[in-house]
Amino acid sequence: MPSYTSNDPKGWGGDPSRGAALGRPTVQGELTGKLYLRRVRLDNGGYDSNGTYFGVGSPLYWCASADEEIDYMLRAHCREDAKEKVRSRYPSARFFR
């Protein structure tokens, strides 16, 4: 299982002393197996548990593969909506529960 923190930026521009990072790097490689799709909880200010800023809005989801060739964030109204958005990029995508 991939770790949500492995692709986590370390502060603004990679420098923790400069404040919170804005979002995370996107990695969209080749699909080789099932994907993990998890909702990421944000606090009232739009920060995740790692202190990365995403802002407020629709729920935030993290999509990743076990080999870390895929690792990106997306906004969707619900898990099923997130799956459809992932399938627009990876039509044969299957997901772990």
N, C-alpha and C. Protein backbone atom coordinates (compact mmCIF):
# COMPACT_ATOMS: atom_id res chain seq x y z
N MET A 1 0.85 -1.19 0.00
CA MET A 1 0.00 0.00 0.00
C MET A 1 0.89 1.25 0.00
N PRO A 2 0.59 2.21 -0.87
CA PRO A 2 1.38 3.44 -0.90
C PRO A 2 1.13 4.29 0.35
N SER A 3 2.07 5.13 0.65
CA SER A 3 1.94 6.02 1.80
C SER A 3 1.56 7.42 1.33
N TYR A 4 0.56 8.01 1.95
CA TYR A 4 0.14 9.36 1.59
C TYR A 4 1.27 10.36 1.82
N THR A 5 2.16 10.09 2.74
CA THR A 5 3.22 11.04 3.05
C THR A 5 4.45 10.92 2.16
N SER A 6 4.56 9.86 1.35
CA SER A 6 5.77 9.69 0.55
C SER A 6 5.93 10.76 -0.53
N ASN A 7 4.87 11.32 -1.05
CA ASN A 7 4.93 12.36 -2.08
C ASN A 7 4.61 13.73 -1.48
N ASP A 8 4.69 13.82 -0.17
CA ASP A 8 4.31 15.05 0.52
C ASP A 8 5.39 16.12 0.38
N PRO A 9 5.02 17.30 -0.09
CA PRO A 9 6.01 18.38 -0.18
C PRO A 9 6.40 18.85 1.22
N LYS A 10 7.57 19.36 1.34
CA LYS A 10 8.09 19.81 2.64
C LYS A 10 8.13 21.33 2.68
N GLY A 11 7.00 21.95 2.89
CA GLY A 11 6.95 23.41 2.98
C GLY A 11 6.91 24.08 1.63
N TRP A 12 6.79 25.38 1.63
CA TRP A 12 6.71 26.16 0.40
C TRP A 12 8.02 26.05 -0.38
N GLY A 13 7.95 25.58 -1.61
CA GLY A 13 9.14 25.42 -2.44
C GLY A 13 10.15 24.44 -1.87
N GLY A 14 9.70 23.49 -1.03
CA GLY A 14 10.60 22.51 -0.42
C GLY A 14 11.29 23.00 0.84
N ASP A 15 10.95 24.19 1.29
CA ASP A 15 11.60 24.78 2.47
C ASP A 15 10.57 24.96 3.58
N PRO A 16 10.57 24.08 4.61
CA PRO A 16 9.58 24.16 5.67
C PRO A 16 9.57 25.50 6.42
N SER A 17 10.70 26.20 6.42
CA SER A 17 10.74 27.48 7.14
C SER A 17 9.97 28.57 6.41
N ARG A 18 9.59 28.32 5.16
CA ARG A 18 8.87 29.32 4.36
C ARG A 18 7.36 29.14 4.41
N GLY A 19 6.86 28.22 5.23
CA GLY A 19 5.41 28.05 5.37
C GLY A 19 4.91 26.78 4.71
N ALA A 20 3.60 26.68 4.60
CA ALA A 20 2.96 25.47 4.10
C ALA A 20 3.11 25.33 2.59
N ALA A 21 3.20 24.08 2.15
CA ALA A 21 3.22 23.79 0.72
C ALA A 21 1.81 24.00 0.17
N LEU A 22 1.74 24.35 -1.10
CA LEU A 22 0.46 24.49 -1.79
C LEU A 22 0.27 23.27 -2.67
N GLY A 23 -0.57 22.34 -2.22
CA GLY A 23 -0.82 21.13 -3.00
C GLY A 23 0.35 20.16 -2.97
N ARG A 24 0.33 19.21 -3.90
CA ARG A 24 1.34 18.17 -3.99
C ARG A 24 1.72 17.96 -5.45
N PRO A 25 2.91 17.39 -5.69
CA PRO A 25 3.27 17.06 -7.07
C PRO A 25 2.34 16.00 -7.65
N THR A 26 2.07 16.06 -8.93
CA THR A 26 1.24 15.08 -9.61
C THR A 26 2.12 14.09 -10.35
N VAL A 27 1.85 12.79 -10.14
CA VAL A 27 2.56 11.73 -10.84
C VAL A 27 1.50 10.89 -11.54
N GLN A 28 1.47 10.93 -12.87
CA GLN A 28 0.48 10.16 -13.62
C GLN A 28 1.19 9.26 -14.63
N GLY A 29 1.74 8.16 -14.13
CA GLY A 29 2.44 7.20 -14.97
C GLY A 29 1.49 6.17 -15.55
N GLU A 30 2.04 5.02 -15.87
CA GLU A 30 1.26 3.93 -16.47
C GLU A 30 0.53 3.13 -15.40
N LEU A 31 -0.70 2.75 -15.72
CA LEU A 31 -1.51 1.92 -14.82
C LEU A 31 -1.09 0.47 -14.96
N THR A 32 -0.68 -0.15 -13.85
CA THR A 32 -0.23 -1.54 -13.89
C THR A 32 -1.02 -2.44 -12.95
N GLY A 33 -1.93 -1.91 -12.18
CA GLY A 33 -2.72 -2.71 -11.25
C GLY A 33 -3.85 -1.87 -10.69
N LYS A 34 -4.42 -2.34 -9.60
CA LYS A 34 -5.50 -1.60 -8.95
C LYS A 34 -4.97 -0.30 -8.34
N LEU A 35 -5.88 0.63 -8.16
CA LEU A 35 -5.54 1.92 -7.57
C LEU A 35 -6.16 2.06 -6.19
N TYR A 36 -5.49 2.79 -5.36
CA TYR A 36 -6.04 3.19 -4.06
C TYR A 36 -6.69 4.54 -4.26
N LEU A 37 -7.87 4.71 -3.68
CA LEU A 37 -8.59 5.98 -3.76
C LEU A 37 -9.11 6.28 -2.37
N ARG A 38 -8.57 7.33 -1.76
CA ARG A 38 -8.92 7.68 -0.38
C ARG A 38 -9.34 9.14 -0.31
N ARG A 39 -10.33 9.41 0.51
CA ARG A 39 -10.71 10.79 0.76
C ARG A 39 -9.71 11.38 1.76
N VAL A 40 -9.32 12.61 1.50
CA VAL A 40 -8.37 13.31 2.37
C VAL A 40 -9.16 14.34 3.17
N ARG A 41 -9.12 14.21 4.46
CA ARG A 41 -9.82 15.16 5.32
C ARG A 41 -9.02 16.45 5.43
N LEU A 42 -9.72 17.56 5.32
CA LEU A 42 -9.11 18.87 5.45
C LEU A 42 -9.71 19.58 6.65
N ASP A 43 -8.90 20.40 7.31
CA ASP A 43 -9.45 21.19 8.41
C ASP A 43 -10.21 22.39 7.84
N ASN A 44 -10.78 23.20 8.72
CA ASN A 44 -11.58 24.35 8.28
C ASN A 44 -10.80 25.35 7.44
N GLY A 45 -9.48 25.36 7.57
CA GLY A 45 -8.65 26.27 6.81
C GLY A 45 -8.18 25.71 5.47
N GLY A 46 -8.49 24.43 5.18
CA GLY A 46 -8.11 23.81 3.92
C GLY A 46 -6.78 23.09 3.95
N TYR A 47 -6.28 22.73 5.16
CA TYR A 47 -5.01 22.02 5.31
C TYR A 47 -5.26 20.54 5.61
N ASP A 48 -4.41 19.67 5.03
CA ASP A 48 -4.50 18.25 5.36
C ASP A 48 -3.73 17.97 6.66
N SER A 49 -3.68 16.72 7.08
CA SER A 49 -3.02 16.37 8.34
C SER A 49 -1.51 16.58 8.30
N ASN A 50 -0.93 16.71 7.11
CA ASN A 50 0.51 16.96 6.97
C ASN A 50 0.84 18.45 6.94
N GLY A 51 -0.19 19.29 6.95
CA GLY A 51 0.04 20.73 6.91
C GLY A 51 0.12 21.30 5.50
N THR A 52 -0.24 20.51 4.50
CA THR A 52 -0.24 20.98 3.12
C THR A 52 -1.55 21.68 2.83
N TYR A 53 -1.48 22.83 2.16
CA TYR A 53 -2.67 23.62 1.89
C TYR A 53 -3.32 23.22 0.56
N PHE A 54 -4.63 22.95 0.61
CA PHE A 54 -5.39 22.64 -0.59
C PHE A 54 -6.58 23.59 -0.78
N GLY A 55 -6.89 24.38 0.22
CA GLY A 55 -8.05 25.26 0.13
C GLY A 55 -9.32 24.50 0.45
N VAL A 56 -10.43 25.20 0.41
CA VAL A 56 -11.72 24.60 0.71
C VAL A 56 -12.51 24.44 -0.58
N GLY A 57 -13.50 23.60 -0.56
CA GLY A 57 -14.31 23.35 -1.75
C GLY A 57 -14.85 21.93 -1.70
N SER A 58 -15.00 21.34 -2.87
CA SER A 58 -15.47 19.95 -2.95
C SER A 58 -14.51 19.03 -2.22
N PRO A 59 -14.99 17.87 -1.79
CA PRO A 59 -14.11 16.92 -1.11
C PRO A 59 -12.86 16.60 -1.94
N LEU A 60 -11.76 16.34 -1.25
CA LEU A 60 -10.47 16.06 -1.87
C LEU A 60 -10.18 14.57 -1.78
N TYR A 61 -9.71 14.00 -2.89
CA TYR A 61 -9.36 12.58 -2.93
C TYR A 61 -7.93 12.41 -3.39
N TRP A 62 -7.30 11.35 -2.88
CA TRP A 62 -5.94 10.97 -3.26
C TRP A 62 -6.02 9.65 -4.01
N CYS A 63 -5.43 9.61 -5.19
CA CYS A 63 -5.39 8.41 -6.02
C CYS A 63 -3.94 7.99 -6.16
N ALA A 64 -3.64 6.70 -5.90
CA ALA A 64 -2.25 6.24 -5.98
C ALA A 64 -2.21 4.76 -6.31
N SER A 65 -1.10 4.37 -6.93
CA SER A 65 -0.84 2.96 -7.21
C SER A 65 0.20 2.45 -6.21
N ALA A 66 0.22 1.14 -6.03
CA ALA A 66 1.16 0.55 -5.07
C ALA A 66 2.61 0.80 -5.47
N ASP A 67 2.90 0.87 -6.77
CA ASP A 67 4.28 1.09 -7.22
C ASP A 67 4.65 2.57 -7.29
N GLU A 68 3.74 3.46 -6.88
CA GLU A 68 3.93 4.91 -6.83
C GLU A 68 4.16 5.54 -8.21
N GLU A 69 3.77 4.83 -9.28
CA GLU A 69 3.82 5.39 -10.63
C GLU A 69 2.65 6.35 -10.84
N ILE A 70 1.64 6.24 -10.00
CA ILE A 70 0.47 7.12 -10.02
C ILE A 70 0.29 7.67 -8.62
N ASP A 71 0.19 8.97 -8.50
CA ASP A 71 0.01 9.62 -7.20
C ASP A 71 -0.46 11.04 -7.46
N TYR A 72 -1.74 11.28 -7.31
CA TYR A 72 -2.26 12.63 -7.54
C TYR A 72 -3.54 12.88 -6.75
N MET A 73 -3.91 14.14 -6.69
CA MET A 73 -5.08 14.59 -5.94
C MET A 73 -6.16 15.03 -6.92
N LEU A 74 -7.41 14.89 -6.50
CA LEU A 74 -8.51 15.39 -7.31
C LEU A 74 -9.67 15.77 -6.42
N ARG A 75 -10.50 16.65 -6.92
CA ARG A 75 -11.72 17.06 -6.21
C ARG A 75 -12.89 16.35 -6.85
N ALA A 76 -13.81 15.88 -6.01
CA ALA A 76 -15.01 15.20 -6.50
C ALA A 76 -16.09 15.31 -5.43
N HIS A 77 -17.34 15.21 -5.85
CA HIS A 77 -18.45 15.33 -4.91
C HIS A 77 -18.59 14.11 -4.01
N CYS A 78 -18.20 12.93 -4.52
CA CYS A 78 -18.28 11.69 -3.75
C CYS A 78 -17.29 10.69 -4.33
N ARG A 79 -17.14 9.54 -3.70
CA ARG A 79 -16.19 8.53 -4.16
C ARG A 79 -16.51 8.05 -5.58
N GLU A 80 -17.79 7.85 -5.88
CA GLU A 80 -18.16 7.39 -7.22
C GLU A 80 -17.80 8.43 -8.28
N ASP A 81 -17.99 9.69 -7.97
CA ASP A 81 -17.60 10.77 -8.87
C ASP A 81 -16.08 10.78 -9.06
N ALA A 82 -15.34 10.55 -7.99
CA ALA A 82 -13.87 10.49 -8.07
C ALA A 82 -13.43 9.32 -8.96
N LYS A 83 -14.09 8.18 -8.83
CA LYS A 83 -13.76 7.02 -9.67
C LYS A 83 -13.95 7.36 -11.14
N GLU A 84 -15.04 8.02 -11.46
CA GLU A 84 -15.31 8.39 -12.85
C GLU A 84 -14.24 9.35 -13.38
N LYS A 85 -13.81 10.28 -12.55
CA LYS A 85 -12.76 11.21 -12.97
C LYS A 85 -11.44 10.48 -13.20
N VAL A 86 -11.12 9.52 -12.35
CA VAL A 86 -9.91 8.73 -12.55
C VAL A 86 -10.03 7.91 -13.84
N ARG A 87 -11.21 7.33 -14.09
CA ARG A 87 -11.41 6.52 -15.30
C ARG A 87 -11.35 7.36 -16.58
N SER A 88 -11.54 8.67 -16.47
CA SER A 88 -11.38 9.49 -17.67
C SER A 88 -9.92 9.52 -18.11
N ARG A 89 -8.99 9.33 -17.19
CA ARG A 89 -7.56 9.26 -17.51
C ARG A 89 -7.10 7.82 -17.68
N TYR A 90 -7.65 6.92 -16.86
CA TYR A 90 -7.29 5.51 -16.89
C TYR A 90 -8.57 4.69 -17.07
N PRO A 91 -9.03 4.48 -18.31
CA PRO A 91 -10.31 3.82 -18.56
C PRO A 91 -10.45 2.43 -17.95
N SER A 92 -9.37 1.69 -17.80
CA SER A 92 -9.46 0.33 -17.25
C SER A 92 -9.22 0.30 -15.75
N ALA A 93 -9.25 1.44 -15.08
CA ALA A 93 -8.94 1.49 -13.65
C ALA A 93 -9.88 0.65 -12.82
N ARG A 94 -9.28 -0.07 -11.88
CA ARG A 94 -10.00 -0.81 -10.85
C ARG A 94 -9.46 -0.34 -9.52
N PHE A 95 -10.28 -0.43 -8.48
CA PHE A 95 -9.93 0.18 -7.21
C PHE A 95 -10.00 -0.82 -6.06
N PHE A 96 -9.10 -0.65 -5.10
CA PHE A 96 -9.22 -1.37 -3.83
C PHE A 96 -10.34 -0.72 -3.05
N ARG A 97 -10.96 -1.44 -2.17
CA ARG A 97 -12.04 -0.88 -1.35
C ARG A 97 -11.49 0.01 -0.29
